[in-house]
Structure formats: structure tokens, C-alpha cells
Amino acid sequence: MNRRGFTLLEMLVATVIMGIAVTGLLSSLTASLRNTARLTEYDRAAMLARQKMDEILLLPRIPLGVPMGENFRPEVMGGLESGWKARVTPFERGPAGVAGSEILERIELRIWWKAGGQDRHFNLETYRARRLDAEDVAVIGVPRG
């Protein structure tokens, strides 16, 4: 006897196999979307860090050791609460350490945001030369010359 079509048992086995395959694909897709969102956040943070560091570097005089910072508007970081903090500290100074001498200052910048109940951050730092004035000498604690 020649029968055409599938039996009920064959249909059930095929359905179970397809269900397992679809479940695996959906879980992979979910993980991929989560990773994409996280990478997008870090990409935005890196872009904001570069932009903010450029703004800071354009400032002619930044007080040494004084923390700076503020919050970003939510739409800048994709609707997430975020902001930045920066601080300029002396990194290296010459032997004189008097007003008029040059030092190397370190600029530390931290971009922070809150995502998925976690605090995340992206750090950036750079260095630049600075000529000391009398205020700077008092702040970094070297005697006046």
C-alpha cells in the first residue's frame, strides 16, 4: 500500500525539532541585541569623551586640582542619565617649581552613565605643558621663588 503525506508522529517530531531550533535562534538574537546596545553606549561615551576633552584642551587656564563636571542632557546619551567629571593635576615638574617654570599637567576625564541598573564609565586622559603662575605654585605646594 502506497501512502502519501506525513504521519502524526512525524509531524510532532518535526515540530519539536523546529521549536528547539527557533528557541536557540531567538536566544542568540536576544544576546546579540543586548551586546549591540552595550557597544552603542560605549561608542557614544567615547565620542562624548573625545568631544569634551577637546573642549577642555581649548580652555587656556584650568585650576589645578579642582574637580569639574556636569550632567549631559538625556538625549545626548540615548535617554540615559549621564555626565562627565574632569580634573587637572600636575604630573611632572622641573626642578625649579617656581612661578614662570613649566610643568606637565595631566587631564583626567571620566564619562559616566547608568544603564540596566549599573553604573558604567569611560576614562580618557591626556597631558599638556603649562607655565606655572603664583596661584599654581601655592596649589601644588612648592615654595615661591
C-alpha atoms as a PDB file:
ATOM      1  CA  MET A   1       0.000   0.000   0.000  1.00  0.00           C
ATOM      2  CA  ASN A   2       1.425   3.327  -1.067  1.00  0.00           C
ATOM      3  CA  ARG A   3       0.638   6.157   1.390  1.00  0.00           C
ATOM      4  CA  ARG A   4       1.290   9.797   0.731  1.00  0.00           C
ATOM      5  CA  GLY A   5       1.896  12.503   3.367  1.00  0.00           C
ATOM      6  CA  PHE A   6       3.238  12.522   6.907  1.00  0.00           C
ATOM      7  CA  THR A   7       2.027  10.675   9.940  1.00  0.00           C
ATOM      8  CA  LEU A   8       1.053  12.493  13.113  1.00  0.00           C
ATOM      9  CA  LEU A   9       4.198  11.212  14.835  1.00  0.00           C
ATOM     10  CA  GLU A  10       6.430  12.590  12.081  1.00  0.00           C
ATOM     11  CA  MET A  11       4.695  15.981  12.367  1.00  0.00           C
ATOM     12  CA  LEU A  12       5.203  16.063  16.143  1.00  0.00           C
ATOM     13  CA  VAL A  13       8.918  15.218  15.823  1.00  0.00           C
ATOM     14  CA  ALA A  14       9.380  17.887  13.129  1.00  0.00           C
ATOM     15  CA  THR A  15       7.551  20.459  15.289  1.00  0.00           C
ATOM     16  CA  VAL A  16       9.731  19.692  18.330  1.00  0.00           C
ATOM     17  CA  ILE A  17      12.907  19.980  16.247  1.00  0.00           C
ATOM     18  CA  MET A  18      11.743  23.299  14.781  1.00  0.00           C
ATOM     19  CA  GLY A  19      10.804  24.559  18.261  1.00  0.00           C
ATOM     20  CA  ILE A  20      14.279  23.787  19.590  1.00  0.00           C
ATOM     21  CA  ALA A  21      15.912  25.477  16.579  1.00  0.00           C
ATOM     22  CA  VAL A  22      13.724  28.605  16.846  1.00  0.00           C
ATOM     23  CA  THR A  23      14.374  28.851  20.616  1.00  0.00           C
ATOM     24  CA  GLY A  24      18.122  28.721  20.000  1.00  0.00           C
ATOM     25  CA  LEU A  25      17.913  31.367  17.301  1.00  0.00           C
ATOM     26  CA  LEU A  26      15.795  33.692  19.450  1.00  0.00           C
ATOM     27  CA  SER A  27      18.146  33.429  22.431  1.00  0.00           C
ATOM     28  CA  SER A  28      21.101  34.183  20.150  1.00  0.00           C
ATOM     29  CA  LEU A  29      19.252  37.157  18.698  1.00  0.00           C
ATOM     30  CA  THR A  30      18.444  38.486  22.178  1.00  0.00           C
ATOM     31  CA  ALA A  31      22.079  38.238  23.285  1.00  0.00           C
ATOM     32  CA  SER A  32      23.189  39.918  20.060  1.00  0.00           C
ATOM     33  CA  LEU A  33      20.783  42.820  20.561  1.00  0.00           C
ATOM     34  CA  ARG A  34      21.951  43.254  24.162  1.00  0.00           C
ATOM     35  CA  ASN A  35      25.583  43.370  23.033  1.00  0.00           C
ATOM     36  CA  THR A  36      24.747  45.824  20.277  1.00  0.00           C
ATOM     37  CA  ALA A  37      23.045  48.174  22.761  1.00  0.00           C
ATOM     38  CA  ARG A  38      26.009  47.987  25.127  1.00  0.00           C
ATOM     39  CA  LEU A  39      28.504  48.677  22.327  1.00  0.00           C
ATOM     40  CA  THR A  40      26.397  51.612  21.161  1.00  0.00           C
ATOM     41  CA  GLU A  41      26.550  53.072  24.690  1.00  0.00           C
ATOM     42  CA  TYR A  42      30.336  52.733  24.772  1.00  0.00           C
ATOM     43  CA  ASP A  43      30.581  54.232  21.285  1.00  0.00           C
ATOM     44  CA  ARG A  44      28.551  57.258  22.377  1.00  0.00           C
ATOM     45  CA  ALA A  45      30.643  57.580  25.534  1.00  0.00           C
ATOM     46  CA  ALA A  46      33.886  57.521  23.533  1.00  0.00           C
ATOM     47  CA  MET A  47      32.547  60.161  21.150  1.00  0.00           C
ATOM     48  CA  LEU A  48      31.422  62.364  24.049  1.00  0.00           C
ATOM     49  CA  ALA A  49      34.778  61.869  25.801  1.00  0.00           C
ATOM     50  CA  ARG A  50      36.726  62.983  22.736  1.00  0.00           C
ATOM     51  CA  GLN A  51      34.436  65.987  22.284  1.00  0.00           C
ATOM     52  CA  LYS A  52      34.630  67.005  25.953  1.00  0.00           C
ATOM     53  CA  MET A  53      38.416  66.512  26.059  1.00  0.00           C
ATOM     54  CA  ASP A  54      38.764  68.801  23.031  1.00  0.00           C
ATOM     55  CA  GLU A  55      36.664  71.440  24.830  1.00  0.00           C
ATOM     56  CA  ILE A  56      38.817  71.140  27.949  1.00  0.00           C
ATOM     57  CA  LEU A  57      42.052  71.373  25.961  1.00  0.00           C
ATOM     58  CA  LEU A  58      40.823  74.613  24.380  1.00  0.00           C
ATOM     59  CA  LEU A  59      40.472  76.235  27.808  1.00  0.00           C
ATOM     60  CA  PRO A  60      43.564  78.392  28.359  1.00  0.00           C
ATOM     61  CA  ARG A  61      43.708  78.088  32.165  1.00  0.00           C
ATOM     62  CA  ILE A  62      42.178  75.322  34.253  1.00  0.00           C
ATOM     63  CA  PRO A  63      42.638  75.449  38.038  1.00  0.00           C
ATOM     64  CA  LEU A  64      44.886  72.644  39.257  1.00  0.00           C
ATOM     65  CA  GLY A  65      43.268  70.008  41.458  1.00  0.00           C
ATOM     66  CA  VAL A  66      39.746  71.446  41.200  1.00  0.00           C
ATOM     67  CA  PRO A  67      37.178  68.853  40.038  1.00  0.00           C
ATOM     68  CA  MET A  68      34.904  69.916  37.187  1.00  0.00           C
ATOM     69  CA  GLY A  69      31.828  68.213  35.811  1.00  0.00           C
ATOM     70  CA  GLU A  70      28.173  68.292  34.949  1.00  0.00           C
ATOM     71  CA  ASN A  71      25.377  66.099  33.654  1.00  0.00           C
ATOM     72  CA  PHE A  72      24.585  65.650  29.969  1.00  0.00           C
ATOM     73  CA  ARG A  73      21.097  66.121  28.598  1.00  0.00           C
ATOM     74  CA  PRO A  74      19.420  62.672  28.454  1.00  0.00           C
ATOM     75  CA  GLU A  75      19.080  62.676  24.663  1.00  0.00           C
ATOM     76  CA  VAL A  76      22.870  63.010  24.259  1.00  0.00           C
ATOM     77  CA  MET A  77      23.382  59.517  25.686  1.00  0.00           C
ATOM     78  CA  GLY A  78      20.320  57.848  24.194  1.00  0.00           C
ATOM     79  CA  GLY A  79      17.968  58.713  27.053  1.00  0.00           C
ATOM     80  CA  LEU A  80      20.301  57.503  29.802  1.00  0.00           C
ATOM     81  CA  GLU A  81      21.340  59.519  32.832  1.00  0.00           C
ATOM     82  CA  SER A  82      24.945  60.534  32.161  1.00  0.00           C
ATOM     83  CA  GLY A  83      27.583  63.152  32.798  1.00  0.00           C
ATOM     84  CA  TRP A  84      31.286  63.912  32.980  1.00  0.00           C
ATOM     85  CA  LYS A  85      33.935  64.669  35.586  1.00  0.00           C
ATOM     86  CA  ALA A  86      37.398  66.054  34.946  1.00  0.00           C
ATOM     87  CA  ARG A  87      40.403  67.062  36.986  1.00  0.00           C
ATOM     88  CA  VAL A  88      43.741  68.623  36.118  1.00  0.00           C
ATOM     89  CA  THR A  89      46.733  67.697  38.263  1.00  0.00           C
ATOM     90  CA  PRO A  90      50.469  68.321  37.967  1.00  0.00           C
ATOM     91  CA  PHE A  91      52.127  65.265  36.504  1.00  0.00           C
ATOM     92  CA  GLU A  92      55.728  66.291  36.247  1.00  0.00           C
ATOM     93  CA  ARG A  93      57.506  69.491  37.130  1.00  0.00           C
ATOM     94  CA  GLY A  94      61.001  70.727  36.628  1.00  0.00           C
ATOM     95  CA  PRO A  95      63.464  71.175  39.475  1.00  0.00           C
ATOM     96  CA  ALA A  96      62.691  74.875  39.976  1.00  0.00           C
ATOM     97  CA  GLY A  97      58.926  74.643  40.704  1.00  0.00           C
ATOM     98  CA  VAL A  98      58.556  78.413  40.763  1.00  0.00           C
ATOM     99  CA  ALA A  99      56.205  80.798  39.019  1.00  0.00           C
ATOM    100  CA  GLY A 100      57.149  81.011  35.355  1.00  0.00           C
ATOM    101  CA  SER A 101      58.549  77.464  35.149  1.00  0.00           C
ATOM    102  CA  GLU A 102      56.865  74.795  33.056  1.00  0.00           C
ATOM    103  CA  ILE A 103      55.228  71.614  34.256  1.00  0.00           C
ATOM    104  CA  LEU A 104      53.477  68.742  32.556  1.00  0.00           C
ATOM    105  CA  GLU A 105      49.821  68.612  33.628  1.00  0.00           C
ATOM    106  CA  ARG A 106      47.604  65.558  33.496  1.00  0.00           C
ATOM    107  CA  ILE A 107      43.965  65.947  32.436  1.00  0.00           C
ATOM    108  CA  GLU A 108      41.739  63.076  33.564  1.00  0.00           C
ATOM    109  CA  LEU A 109      38.228  62.809  32.140  1.00  0.00           C
ATOM    110  CA  ARG A 110      35.527  60.314  33.099  1.00  0.00           C
ATOM    111  CA  ILE A 111      32.283  59.950  31.192  1.00  0.00           C
ATOM    112  CA  TRP A 112      29.699  58.079  33.284  1.00  0.00           C
ATOM    113  CA  TRP A 113      26.211  56.756  32.597  1.00  0.00           C
ATOM    114  CA  LYS A 114      23.629  54.494  34.212  1.00  0.00           C
ATOM    115  CA  ALA A 115      22.395  51.567  32.149  1.00  0.00           C
ATOM    116  CA  GLY A 116      20.491  48.484  33.189  1.00  0.00           C
ATOM    117  CA  GLY A 117      20.783  49.319  36.879  1.00  0.00           C
ATOM    118  CA  GLN A 118      24.584  49.555  36.653  1.00  0.00           C
ATOM    119  CA  ASP A 119      26.960  52.497  36.722  1.00  0.00           C
ATOM    120  CA  ARG A 120      29.263  52.445  33.708  1.00  0.00           C
ATOM    121  CA  HIS A 121      32.129  54.731  32.792  1.00  0.00           C
ATOM    122  CA  PHE A 122      34.691  55.528  30.121  1.00  0.00           C
ATOM    123  CA  ASN A 123      38.017  57.140  31.099  1.00  0.00           C
ATOM    124  CA  LEU A 124      40.258  59.301  28.969  1.00  0.00           C
ATOM    125  CA  GLU A 125      43.422  61.168  29.897  1.00  0.00           C
ATOM    126  CA  THR A 126      45.943  63.395  28.229  1.00  0.00           C
ATOM    127  CA  TYR A 127      48.915  65.590  29.093  1.00  0.00           C
ATOM    128  CA  ARG A 128      49.974  69.093  28.147  1.00  0.00           C
ATOM    129  CA  ALA A 129      52.599  71.658  29.104  1.00  0.00           C
ATOM    130  CA  ARG A 130      51.660  74.505  31.437  1.00  0.00           C
ATOM    131  CA  ARG A 131      53.541  77.565  32.636  1.00  0.00           C
ATOM    132  CA  LEU A 132      53.088  77.989  36.394  1.00  0.00           C
ATOM    133  CA  ASP A 133      51.792  81.206  37.893  1.00  0.00           C
ATOM    134  CA  ALA A 134      51.797  82.235  41.580  1.00  0.00           C
ATOM    135  CA  GLU A 135      48.367  80.613  42.203  1.00  0.00           C
ATOM    136  CA  ASP A 136      49.536  77.309  40.736  1.00  0.00           C
ATOM    137  CA  VAL A 137      52.660  77.313  42.907  1.00  0.00           C
ATOM    138  CA  ALA A 138      50.518  77.760  46.023  1.00  0.00           C
ATOM    139  CA  VAL A 139      48.155  74.937  44.992  1.00  0.00           C
ATOM    140  CA  ILE A 140      50.812  72.342  44.217  1.00  0.00           C
ATOM    141  CA  GLY A 141      52.753  73.165  47.360  1.00  0.00           C
ATOM    142  CA  VAL A 142      56.135  74.220  46.072  1.00  0.00           C
ATOM    143  CA  PRO A 143      57.845  77.238  47.621  1.00  0.00           C
ATOM    144  CA  ARG A 144      57.736  80.512  45.741  1.00  0.00           C
ATOM    145  CA  GLY A 145      60.910  81.567  44.030  1.00  0.00           C
END
